[in-house]
Amino acid sequence: MCSAEPINCFPMLVNILSNTFLRLFNSTARIRVWSNPFYSIQSSEVRSDIFFICLSYMLILAAGLPPHFAVSSMEDYKVKS
Protein backbone atom coordinates (compact mmCIF):
# COMPACT_ATOMS: atom_id res chain seq x y z
CA MET A 1 0.00 0.00 0.00
CA CYS A 2 2.88 2.37 0.65
CA SER A 3 6.60 2.44 0.22
CA ALA A 4 9.02 2.18 3.13
CA GLU A 5 9.41 5.94 3.39
CA PRO A 6 7.49 7.47 6.33
CA ILE A 7 6.50 10.50 4.28
CA ASN A 8 4.40 8.21 2.06
CA CYS A 9 3.10 5.84 4.75
CA PHE A 10 1.51 8.38 7.08
CA PRO A 11 -1.13 9.64 4.61
CA MET A 12 -1.98 6.04 3.70
CA LEU A 13 -2.35 5.14 7.38
CA VAL A 14 -4.64 8.13 7.94
CA ASN A 15 -6.69 7.12 4.91
CA ILE A 16 -7.08 3.50 6.07
CA LEU A 17 -8.01 4.51 9.62
CA SER A 18 -10.47 7.18 8.50
CA ASN A 19 -12.26 4.88 6.12
CA THR A 20 -12.34 2.11 8.73
CA PHE A 21 -14.01 4.43 11.24
CA LEU A 22 -16.50 5.55 8.61
CA ARG A 23 -17.41 1.93 7.86
CA LEU A 24 -17.85 1.22 11.56
CA PHE A 25 -20.47 3.96 11.74
CA ASN A 26 -22.24 2.66 8.59
CA SER A 27 -21.39 5.67 6.48
CA THR A 28 -21.28 5.55 2.69
CA ALA A 29 -18.81 8.44 2.45
CA ARG A 30 -15.14 7.84 1.88
CA ILE A 31 -12.16 10.02 2.76
CA ARG A 32 -9.39 10.37 0.23
CA VAL A 33 -5.94 11.38 1.46
CA TRP A 34 -2.96 12.26 -0.70
CA SER A 35 0.54 13.46 -0.08
CA ASN A 36 2.36 16.08 -2.09
CA PRO A 37 5.58 16.60 -0.10
CA PHE A 38 7.56 18.48 -2.73
CA TYR A 39 6.68 21.90 -4.05
CA SER A 40 6.01 21.59 -7.75
CA ILE A 41 7.26 24.32 -10.03
CA GLN A 42 5.00 25.19 -12.93
CA SER A 43 7.09 27.84 -14.66
CA SER A 44 9.67 26.62 -17.15
CA GLU A 45 11.76 29.76 -16.53
CA VAL A 46 12.12 28.90 -12.85
CA ARG A 47 13.05 25.32 -13.73
CA SER A 48 15.75 26.45 -16.13
CA ASP A 49 17.09 28.94 -13.57
CA ILE A 50 17.30 26.24 -10.91
CA PHE A 51 18.98 23.91 -13.40
CA PHE A 52 21.66 26.47 -14.31
CA ILE A 53 22.29 27.38 -10.67
CA CYS A 54 22.79 23.70 -9.78
CA LEU A 55 24.95 23.16 -12.86
CA SER A 56 27.15 26.16 -11.97
CA TYR A 57 27.52 24.94 -8.40
CA MET A 58 28.49 21.44 -9.57
CA LEU A 59 31.05 22.84 -12.02
CA ILE A 60 32.65 24.98 -9.32
CA LEU A 61 32.68 22.03 -6.97
CA ALA A 62 34.20 19.76 -9.63
CA ALA A 63 36.89 22.36 -10.35
CA GLY A 64 37.85 22.60 -6.68
CA LEU A 65 38.10 18.91 -5.82
CA PRO A 66 41.19 17.81 -7.83
CA PRO A 67 43.46 20.50 -6.32
CA HIS A 68 42.31 19.43 -2.86
CA PHE A 69 43.44 15.86 -3.50
CA ALA A 70 46.70 17.06 -5.06
CA VAL A 71 47.52 19.23 -2.04
CA SER A 72 46.69 16.35 0.27
CA SER A 73 49.04 14.05 -1.65
CA MET A 74 51.83 16.65 -1.57
CA GLU A 75 51.47 17.05 2.19
CA ASP A 76 51.69 13.27 2.59
CA TYR A 77 54.81 13.28 0.40
CA LYS A 78 56.45 16.04 2.47
CA VAL A 79 55.77 14.22 5.73
CA LYS A 80 56.90 10.96 4.07
CA SER A 81 53.87 9.06 5.24
PDB file of N, CA and C in Angstrom:
ATOM      1  N   MET A   1       0.809  -1.209   0.000  1.00  0.00           N
ATOM      2  CA  MET A   1       0.000   0.000   0.000  1.00  0.00           C
ATOM      3  C   MET A   1       0.844   1.261   0.000  1.00  0.00           C
ATOM      4  N   CYS A   2       2.001   1.203   0.623  1.00  0.00           N
ATOM      5  CA  CYS A   2       2.876   2.368   0.646  1.00  0.00           C
ATOM      6  C   CYS A   2       4.316   1.904   0.621  1.00  0.00           C
ATOM      7  N   SER A   3       5.179   2.788   0.234  1.00  0.00           N
ATOM      8  CA  SER A   3       6.600   2.443   0.225  1.00  0.00           C
ATOM      9  C   SER A   3       7.145   2.518   1.643  1.00  0.00           C
ATOM     10  N   ALA A   4       8.417   2.222   1.793  1.00  0.00           N
ATOM     11  CA  ALA A   4       9.020   2.179   3.130  1.00  0.00           C
ATOM     12  C   ALA A   4       9.300   3.560   3.702  1.00  0.00           C
ATOM     13  N   GLU A   5       9.131   4.594   2.917  1.00  0.00           N
ATOM     14  CA  GLU A   5       9.414   5.942   3.394  1.00  0.00           C
ATOM     15  C   GLU A   5       8.262   6.445   4.261  1.00  0.00           C
ATOM     16  N   PRO A   6       8.560   7.003   5.437  1.00  0.00           N
ATOM     17  CA  PRO A   6       7.495   7.472   6.329  1.00  0.00           C
ATOM     18  C   PRO A   6       6.657   8.591   5.730  1.00  0.00           C
ATOM     19  N   ILE A   7       7.254   9.378   4.846  1.00  0.00           N
ATOM     20  CA  ILE A   7       6.502  10.503   4.279  1.00  0.00           C
ATOM     21  C   ILE A   7       5.350  10.003   3.409  1.00  0.00           C
ATOM     22  N   ASN A   8       5.470   8.782   2.874  1.00  0.00           N
ATOM     23  CA  ASN A   8       4.403   8.211   2.064  1.00  0.00           C
ATOM     24  C   ASN A   8       3.456   7.354   2.887  1.00  0.00           C
ATOM     25  N   CYS A   9       3.935   6.753   3.959  1.00  0.00           N
ATOM     26  CA  CYS A   9       3.105   5.838   4.747  1.00  0.00           C
ATOM     27  C   CYS A   9       2.089   6.559   5.629  1.00  0.00           C
ATOM     28  N   PHE A  10       2.424   7.709   6.160  1.00  0.00           N
ATOM     29  CA  PHE A  10       1.508   8.385   7.075  1.00  0.00           C
ATOM     30  C   PHE A  10       0.173   8.752   6.418  1.00  0.00           C
ATOM     31  N   PRO A  11       0.173   9.356   5.225  1.00  0.00           N
ATOM     32  CA  PRO A  11      -1.128   9.643   4.606  1.00  0.00           C
ATOM     33  C   PRO A  11      -1.934   8.374   4.313  1.00  0.00           C
ATOM     34  N   MET A  12      -1.261   7.286   3.945  1.00  0.00           N
ATOM     35  CA  MET A  12      -1.976   6.038   3.697  1.00  0.00           C
ATOM     36  C   MET A  12      -2.581   5.495   4.993  1.00  0.00           C
ATOM     37  N   LEU A  13      -1.841   5.588   6.089  1.00  0.00           N
ATOM     38  CA  LEU A  13      -2.351   5.144   7.376  1.00  0.00           C
ATOM     39  C   LEU A  13      -3.572   5.955   7.794  1.00  0.00           C
ATOM     40  N   VAL A  14      -3.509   7.263   7.606  1.00  0.00           N
ATOM     41  CA  VAL A  14      -4.640   8.127   7.939  1.00  0.00           C
ATOM     42  C   VAL A  14      -5.843   7.762   7.074  1.00  0.00           C
ATOM     43  N   ASN A  15      -5.604   7.479   5.810  1.00  0.00           N
ATOM     44  CA  ASN A  15      -6.694   7.117   4.912  1.00  0.00           C
ATOM     45  C   ASN A  15      -7.344   5.803   5.345  1.00  0.00           C
ATOM     46  N   ILE A  16      -6.537   4.802   5.659  1.00  0.00           N
ATOM     47  CA  ILE A  16      -7.078   3.504   6.067  1.00  0.00           C
ATOM     48  C   ILE A  16      -7.875   3.626   7.368  1.00  0.00           C
ATOM     49  N   LEU A  17      -7.308   4.346   8.350  1.00  0.00           N
ATOM     50  CA  LEU A  17      -8.010   4.508   9.621  1.00  0.00           C
ATOM     51  C   LEU A  17      -9.302   5.305   9.467  1.00  0.00           C
ATOM     52  N   SER A  18      -9.269   6.351   8.692  1.00  0.00           N
ATOM     53  CA  SER A  18     -10.469   7.183   8.498  1.00  0.00           C
ATOM     54  C   SER A  18     -11.579   6.389   7.842  1.00  0.00           C
ATOM     55  N   ASN A  19     -11.240   5.658   6.799  1.00  0.00           N
ATOM     56  CA  ASN A  19     -12.260   4.884   6.117  1.00  0.00           C
ATOM     57  C   ASN A  19     -12.760   3.723   6.965  1.00  0.00           C
ATOM     58  N   THR A  20     -11.904   3.164   7.813  1.00  0.00           N
ATOM     59  CA  THR A  20     -12.339   2.110   8.729  1.00  0.00           C
ATOM     60  C   THR A  20     -13.347   2.655   9.732  1.00  0.00           C
ATOM     61  N   PHE A  21     -13.064   3.831  10.302  1.00  0.00           N
ATOM     62  CA  PHE A  21     -14.006   4.432  11.242  1.00  0.00           C
ATOM     63  C   PHE A  21     -15.320   4.793  10.558  1.00  0.00           C
ATOM     64  N   LEU A  22     -15.268   5.237   9.329  1.00  0.00           N
ATOM     65  CA  LEU A  22     -16.505   5.546   8.607  1.00  0.00           C
ATOM     66  C   LEU A  22     -17.329   4.285   8.383  1.00  0.00           C
ATOM     67  N   ARG A  23     -16.675   3.180   8.056  1.00  0.00           N
ATOM     68  CA  ARG A  23     -17.411   1.926   7.861  1.00  0.00           C
ATOM     69  C   ARG A  23     -18.009   1.420   9.165  1.00  0.00           C
ATOM     70  N   LEU A  24     -17.319   1.644  10.273  1.00  0.00           N
ATOM     71  CA  LEU A  24     -17.847   1.220  11.560  1.00  0.00           C
ATOM     72  C   LEU A  24     -19.153   1.938  11.896  1.00  0.00           C
ATOM     73  N   PHE A  25     -19.261   3.175  11.466  1.00  0.00           N
ATOM     74  CA  PHE A  25     -20.466   3.962  11.737  1.00  0.00           C
ATOM     75  C   PHE A  25     -21.470   3.902  10.592  1.00  0.00           C
ATOM     76  N   ASN A  26     -21.325   2.908   9.702  1.00  0.00           N
ATOM     77  CA  ASN A  26     -22.244   2.660   8.586  1.00  0.00           C
ATOM     78  C   ASN A  26     -22.412   3.865   7.662  1.00  0.00           C
ATOM     79  N   SER A  27     -21.346   4.527   7.382  1.00  0.00           N
ATOM     80  CA  SER A  27     -21.395   5.672   6.483  1.00  0.00           C
ATOM     81  C   SER A  27     -21.016   5.224   5.071  1.00  0.00           C
ATOM     82  N   THR A  28     -21.610   5.863   4.084  1.00  0.00           N
ATOM     83  CA  THR A  28     -21.279   5.546   2.687  1.00  0.00           C
ATOM     84  C   THR A  28     -20.188   6.470   2.151  1.00  0.00           C
ATOM     85  N   ALA A  29     -19.842   7.491   2.907  1.00  0.00           N
ATOM     86  CA  ALA A  29     -18.811   8.436   2.454  1.00  0.00           C
ATOM     87  C   ALA A  29     -17.431   7.805   2.611  1.00  0.00           C
ATOM     88  N   ARG A  30     -16.526   8.277   1.808  1.00  0.00           N
ATOM     89  CA  ARG A  30     -15.137   7.839   1.882  1.00  0.00           C
ATOM     90  C   ARG A  30     -14.239   9.075   1.945  1.00  0.00           C
ATOM     91  N   ILE A  31     -13.134   8.939   2.666  1.00  0.00           N
ATOM     92  CA  ILE A  31     -12.156  10.019   2.761  1.00  0.00           C
ATOM     93  C   ILE A  31     -10.969   9.651   1.896  1.00  0.00           C
ATOM     94  N   ARG A  32     -10.544  10.582   1.104  1.00  0.00           N
ATOM     95  CA  ARG A  32      -9.392  10.372   0.233  1.00  0.00           C
ATOM     96  C   ARG A  32      -8.254  11.261   0.718  1.00  0.00           C
ATOM     97  N   VAL A  33      -7.103  10.658   0.964  1.00  0.00           N
ATOM     98  CA  VAL A  33      -5.938  11.379   1.465  1.00  0.00           C
ATOM     99  C   VAL A  33      -4.817  11.237   0.451  1.00  0.00           C
ATOM    100  N   TRP A  34      -4.099  12.332   0.197  1.00  0.00           N
ATOM    101  CA  TRP A  34      -2.958  12.265  -0.703  1.00  0.00           C
ATOM    102  C   TRP A  34      -1.825  13.098  -0.126  1.00  0.00           C
ATOM    103  N   SER A  35      -0.653  12.783  -0.569  1.00  0.00           N
ATOM    104  CA  SER A  35       0.541  13.463  -0.084  1.00  0.00           C
ATOM    105  C   SER A  35       1.257  14.108  -1.259  1.00  0.00           C
ATOM    106  N   ASN A  36       1.599  15.367  -1.086  1.00  0.00           N
ATOM    107  CA  ASN A  36       2.364  16.077  -2.093  1.00  0.00           C
ATOM    108  C   ASN A  36       3.507  16.786  -1.367  1.00  0.00           C
ATOM    109  N   PRO A  37       4.570  16.022  -0.985  1.00  0.00           N
ATOM    110  CA  PRO A  37       5.581  16.599  -0.099  1.00  0.00           C
ATOM    111  C   PRO A  37       6.507  17.613  -0.747  1.00  0.00           C
ATOM    112  N   PHE A  38       6.631  17.588  -2.063  1.00  0.00           N
ATOM    113  CA  PHE A  38       7.560  18.481  -2.727  1.00  0.00           C
ATOM    114  C   PHE A  38       6.806  19.560  -3.481  1.00  0.00           C
ATOM    115  N   TYR A  39       7.287  20.769  -3.358  1.00  0.00           N
ATOM    116  CA  TYR A  39       6.684  21.899  -4.047  1.00  0.00           C
ATOM    117  C   TYR A  39       6.914  21.741  -5.543  1.00  0.00           C
ATOM    118  N   SER A  40       5.849  21.749  -6.306  1.00  0.00           N
ATOM    119  CA  SER A  40       6.006  21.595  -7.752  1.00  0.00           C
ATOM    120  C   SER A  40       6.105  22.964  -8.414  1.00  0.00           C
ATOM    121  N   ILE A  41       7.018  23.071  -9.331  1.00  0.00           N
ATOM    122  CA  ILE A  41       7.262  24.324 -10.033  1.00  0.00           C
ATOM    123  C   ILE A  41       6.584  24.241 -11.388  1.00  0.00           C
ATOM    124  N   GLN A  42       5.737  25.198 -11.682  1.00  0.00           N
ATOM    125  CA  GLN A  42       5.003  25.185 -12.932  1.00  0.00           C
ATOM    126  C   GLN A  42       5.703  25.975 -14.039  1.00  0.00           C
ATOM    127  N   SER A  43       6.464  26.968 -13.676  1.00  0.00           N
ATOM    128  CA  SER A  43       7.085  27.844 -14.656  1.00  0.00           C
ATOM    129  C   SER A  43       8.358  27.204 -15.219  1.00  0.00           C
ATOM    130  N   SER A  44       8.471  27.191 -16.529  1.00  0.00           N
ATOM    131  CA  SER A  44       9.668  26.620 -17.150  1.00  0.00           C
ATOM    132  C   SER A  44      10.886  27.530 -16.937  1.00  0.00           C
ATOM    133  N   GLU A  45      10.648  28.842 -16.789  1.00  0.00           N
ATOM    134  CA  GLU A  45      11.758  29.759 -16.534  1.00  0.00           C
ATOM    135  C   GLU A  45      12.402  29.468 -15.182  1.00  0.00           C
ATOM    136  N   VAL A  46      11.594  29.197 -14.178  1.00  0.00           N
ATOM    137  CA  VAL A  46      12.121  28.901 -12.849  1.00  0.00           C
ATOM    138  C   VAL A  46      12.883  27.581 -12.884  1.00  0.00           C
ATOM    139  N   ARG A  47      12.357  26.608 -13.605  1.00  0.00           N
ATOM    140  CA  ARG A  47      13.046  25.321 -13.726  1.00  0.00           C
ATOM    141  C   ARG A  47      14.410  25.489 -14.390  1.00  0.00           C
ATOM    142  N   SER A  48      14.466  26.262 -15.453  1.00  0.00           N
ATOM    143  CA  SER A  48      15.746  26.449 -16.135  1.00  0.00           C
ATOM    144  C   SER A  48      16.715  27.230 -15.253  1.00  0.00           C
ATOM    145  N   ASP A  49      16.221  28.204 -14.491  1.00  0.00           N
ATOM    146  CA  ASP A  49      17.086  28.943 -13.571  1.00  0.00           C
ATOM    147  C   ASP A  49      17.665  28.026 -12.501  1.00  0.00           C
ATOM    148  N   ILE A  50      16.824  27.182 -11.929  1.00  0.00           N
ATOM    149  CA  ILE A  50      17.300  26.245 -10.908  1.00  0.00           C
ATOM    150  C   ILE A  50      18.310  25.281 -11.509  1.00  0.00           C
ATOM    151  N   PHE A  51      18.053  24.821 -12.734  1.00  0.00           N
ATOM    152  CA  PHE A  51      18.983  23.909 -13.396  1.00  0.00           C
ATOM    153  C   PHE A  51      20.347  24.562 -13.585  1.00  0.00           C
ATOM    154  N   PHE A  52      20.385  25.795 -14.062  1.00  0.00           N
ATOM    155  CA  PHE A  52      21.657  26.466 -14.306  1.00  0.00           C
ATOM    156  C   PHE A  52      22.383  26.813 -13.010  1.00  0.00           C
ATOM    157  N   ILE A  53      21.650  27.125 -11.961  1.00  0.00           N
ATOM    158  CA  ILE A  53      22.286  27.376 -10.673  1.00  0.00           C
ATOM    159  C   ILE A  53      22.938  26.096 -10.152  1.00  0.00           C
ATOM    160  N   CYS A  54      22.221  24.990 -10.227  1.00  0.00           N
ATOM    161  CA  CYS A  54      22.788  23.702  -9.779  1.00  0.00           C
ATOM    162  C   CYS A  54      23.965  23.287 -10.657  1.00  0.00           C
ATOM    163  N   LEU A  55      23.859  23.506 -11.952  1.00  0.00           N
ATOM    164  CA  LEU A  55      24.951  23.163 -12.856  1.00  0.00           C
ATOM    165  C   LEU A  55      26.193  23.998 -12.546  1.00  0.00           C
ATOM    166  N   SER A  56      26.013  25.289 -12.307  1.00  0.00           N
ATOM    167  CA  SER A  56      27.148  26.157 -11.966  1.00  0.00           C
ATOM    168  C   SER A  56      27.792  25.719 -10.665  1.00  0.00           C
ATOM    169  N   TYR A  57      26.984  25.393  -9.682  1.00  0.00           N
ATOM    170  CA  TYR A  57      27.516  24.937  -8.403  1.00  0.00           C
ATOM    171  C   TYR A  57      28.317  23.647  -8.573  1.00  0.00           C
ATOM    172  N   MET A  58      27.794  22.709  -9.356  1.00  0.00           N
ATOM    173  CA  MET A  58      28.492  21.442  -9.570  1.00  0.00           C
ATOM    174  C   MET A  58      29.801  21.655 -10.330  1.00  0.00           C
ATOM    175  N   LEU A  59      29.815  22.571 -11.281  1.00  0.00           N
ATOM    176  CA  LEU A  59      31.047  22.837 -12.017  1.00  0.00           C
ATOM    177  C   LEU A  59      32.112  23.470 -11.120  1.00  0.00           C
ATOM    178  N   ILE A  60      31.705  24.381 -10.262  1.00  0.00           N
ATOM    179  CA  ILE A  60      32.652  24.984  -9.324  1.00  0.00           C
ATOM    180  C   ILE A  60      33.163  23.937  -8.351  1.00  0.00           C
ATOM    181  N   LEU A  61      32.279  23.087  -7.878  1.00  0.00           N
ATOM    182  CA  LEU A  61      32.681  22.028  -6.968  1.00  0.00           C
ATOM    183  C   LEU A  61      33.633  21.051  -7.652  1.00  0.00           C
ATOM    184  N   ALA A  62      33.343  20.690  -8.892  1.00  0.00           N
ATOM    185  CA  ALA A  62      34.203  19.765  -9.628  1.00  0.00           C
ATOM    186  C   ALA A  62      35.561  20.386  -9.916  1.00  0.00           C
ATOM    187  N   ALA A  63      35.602  21.696 -10.098  1.00  0.00           N
ATOM    188  CA  ALA A  63      36.886  22.355 -10.352  1.00  0.00           C
ATOM    189  C   ALA A  63      37.723  22.451  -9.079  1.00  0.00           C
ATOM    190  N   GLY A  64      37.107  22.449  -7.924  1.00  0.00           N
ATOM    191  CA  GLY A  64      37.849  22.601  -6.677  1.00  0.00           C
ATOM    192  C   GLY A  64      38.312  21.301  -6.062  1.00  0.00           C
ATOM    193  N   LEU A  65      37.728  20.172  -6.449  1.00  0.00           N
ATOM    194  CA  LEU A  65      38.102  18.915  -5.820  1.00  0.00           C
ATOM    195  C   LEU A  65      39.479  18.380  -6.224  1.00  0.00           C
ATOM    196  N   PRO A  66      39.865  18.355  -7.490  1.00  0.00           N
ATOM    197  CA  PRO A  66      41.191  17.810  -7.833  1.00  0.00           C
ATOM    198  C   PRO A  66      42.359  18.528  -7.155  1.00  0.00           C
ATOM    199  N   PRO A  67      42.356  19.871  -7.057  1.00  0.00           N
ATOM    200  CA  PRO A  67      43.461  20.505  -6.316  1.00  0.00           C
ATOM    201  C   PRO A  67      43.494  20.106  -4.847  1.00  0.00           C
ATOM    202  N   HIS A  68      42.359  19.866  -4.261  1.00  0.00           N
ATOM    203  CA  HIS A  68      42.313  19.434  -2.864  1.00  0.00           C
ATOM    204  C   HIS A  68      43.038  18.103  -2.695  1.00  0.00           C
ATOM    205  N   PHE A  69      42.770  17.156  -3.588  1.00  0.00           N
ATOM    206  CA  PHE A  69      43.437  15.861  -3.504  1.00  0.00           C
ATOM    207  C   PHE A  69      44.924  15.988  -3.809  1.00  0.00           C
ATOM    208  N   ALA A  70      45.284  16.875  -4.727  1.00  0.00           N
ATOM    209  CA  ALA A  70      46.695  17.056  -5.061  1.00  0.00           C
ATOM    210  C   ALA A  70      47.457  17.644  -3.874  1.00  0.00           C
ATOM    211  N   VAL A  71      46.880  18.622  -3.207  1.00  0.00           N
ATOM    212  CA  VAL A  71      47.525  19.230  -2.039  1.00  0.00           C
ATOM    213  C   VAL A  71      47.652  18.198  -0.926  1.00  0.00           C
ATOM    214  N   SER A  72      46.642  17.390  -0.753  1.00  0.00           N
ATOM    215  CA  SER A  72      46.691  16.352   0.266  1.00  0.00           C
ATOM    216  C   SER A  72      47.814  15.356  -0.026  1.00  0.00           C
ATOM    217  N   SER A  73      47.975  14.979  -1.280  1.00  0.00           N
ATOM    218  CA  SER A  73      49.044  14.053  -1.650  1.00  0.00           C
ATOM    219  C   SER A  73      50.415  14.682  -1.449  1.00  0.00           C
ATOM    220  N   MET A  74      50.545  15.965  -1.750  1.00  0.00           N
ATOM    221  CA  MET A  74      51.833  16.647  -1.567  1.00  0.00           C
ATOM    222  C   MET A  74      52.182  16.738  -0.084  1.00  0.00           C
ATOM    223  N   GLU A  75      51.203  16.990   0.757  1.00  0.00           N
ATOM    224  CA  GLU A  75      51.467  17.050   2.192  1.00  0.00           C
ATOM    225  C   GLU A  75      51.897  15.684   2.705  1.00  0.00           C
ATOM    226  N   ASP A  76      51.282  14.625   2.203  1.00  0.00           N
ATOM    227  CA  ASP A  76      51.695  13.269   2.591  1.00  0.00           C
ATOM    228  C   ASP A  76      53.126  12.997   2.110  1.00  0.00           C
ATOM    229  N   TYR A  77      53.466  13.491   0.934  1.00  0.00           N
ATOM    230  CA  TYR A  77      54.813  13.284   0.396  1.00  0.00           C
ATOM    231  C   TYR A  77      55.851  14.021   1.241  1.00  0.00           C
ATOM    232  N   LYS A  78      55.518  15.245   1.666  1.00  0.00           N
ATOM    233  CA  LYS A  78      56.454  16.035   2.474  1.00  0.00           C
ATOM    234  C   LYS A  78      56.693  15.384   3.838  1.00  0.00           C
ATOM    235  N   VAL A  79      55.643  14.846   4.423  1.00  0.00           N
ATOM    236  CA  VAL A  79      55.766  14.216   5.731  1.00  0.00           C
ATOM    237  C   VAL A  79      56.362  12.807   5.601  1.00  0.00           C
ATOM    238  N   LYS A  80      56.396  12.304   4.389  1.00  0.00           N
ATOM    239  CA  LYS A  80      56.895  10.957   4.074  1.00  0.00           C
ATOM    240  C   LYS A  80      56.071   9.878   4.767  1.00  0.00           C
ATOM    241  N   SER A  81      54.747  10.065   4.664  1.00  0.00           N
ATOM    242  CA  SER A  81      53.867   9.060   5.241  1.00  0.00           C
ATOM    243  C   SER A  81      53.528   7.977   4.255  1.00  0.00           C
TER     244      SER A  81
END
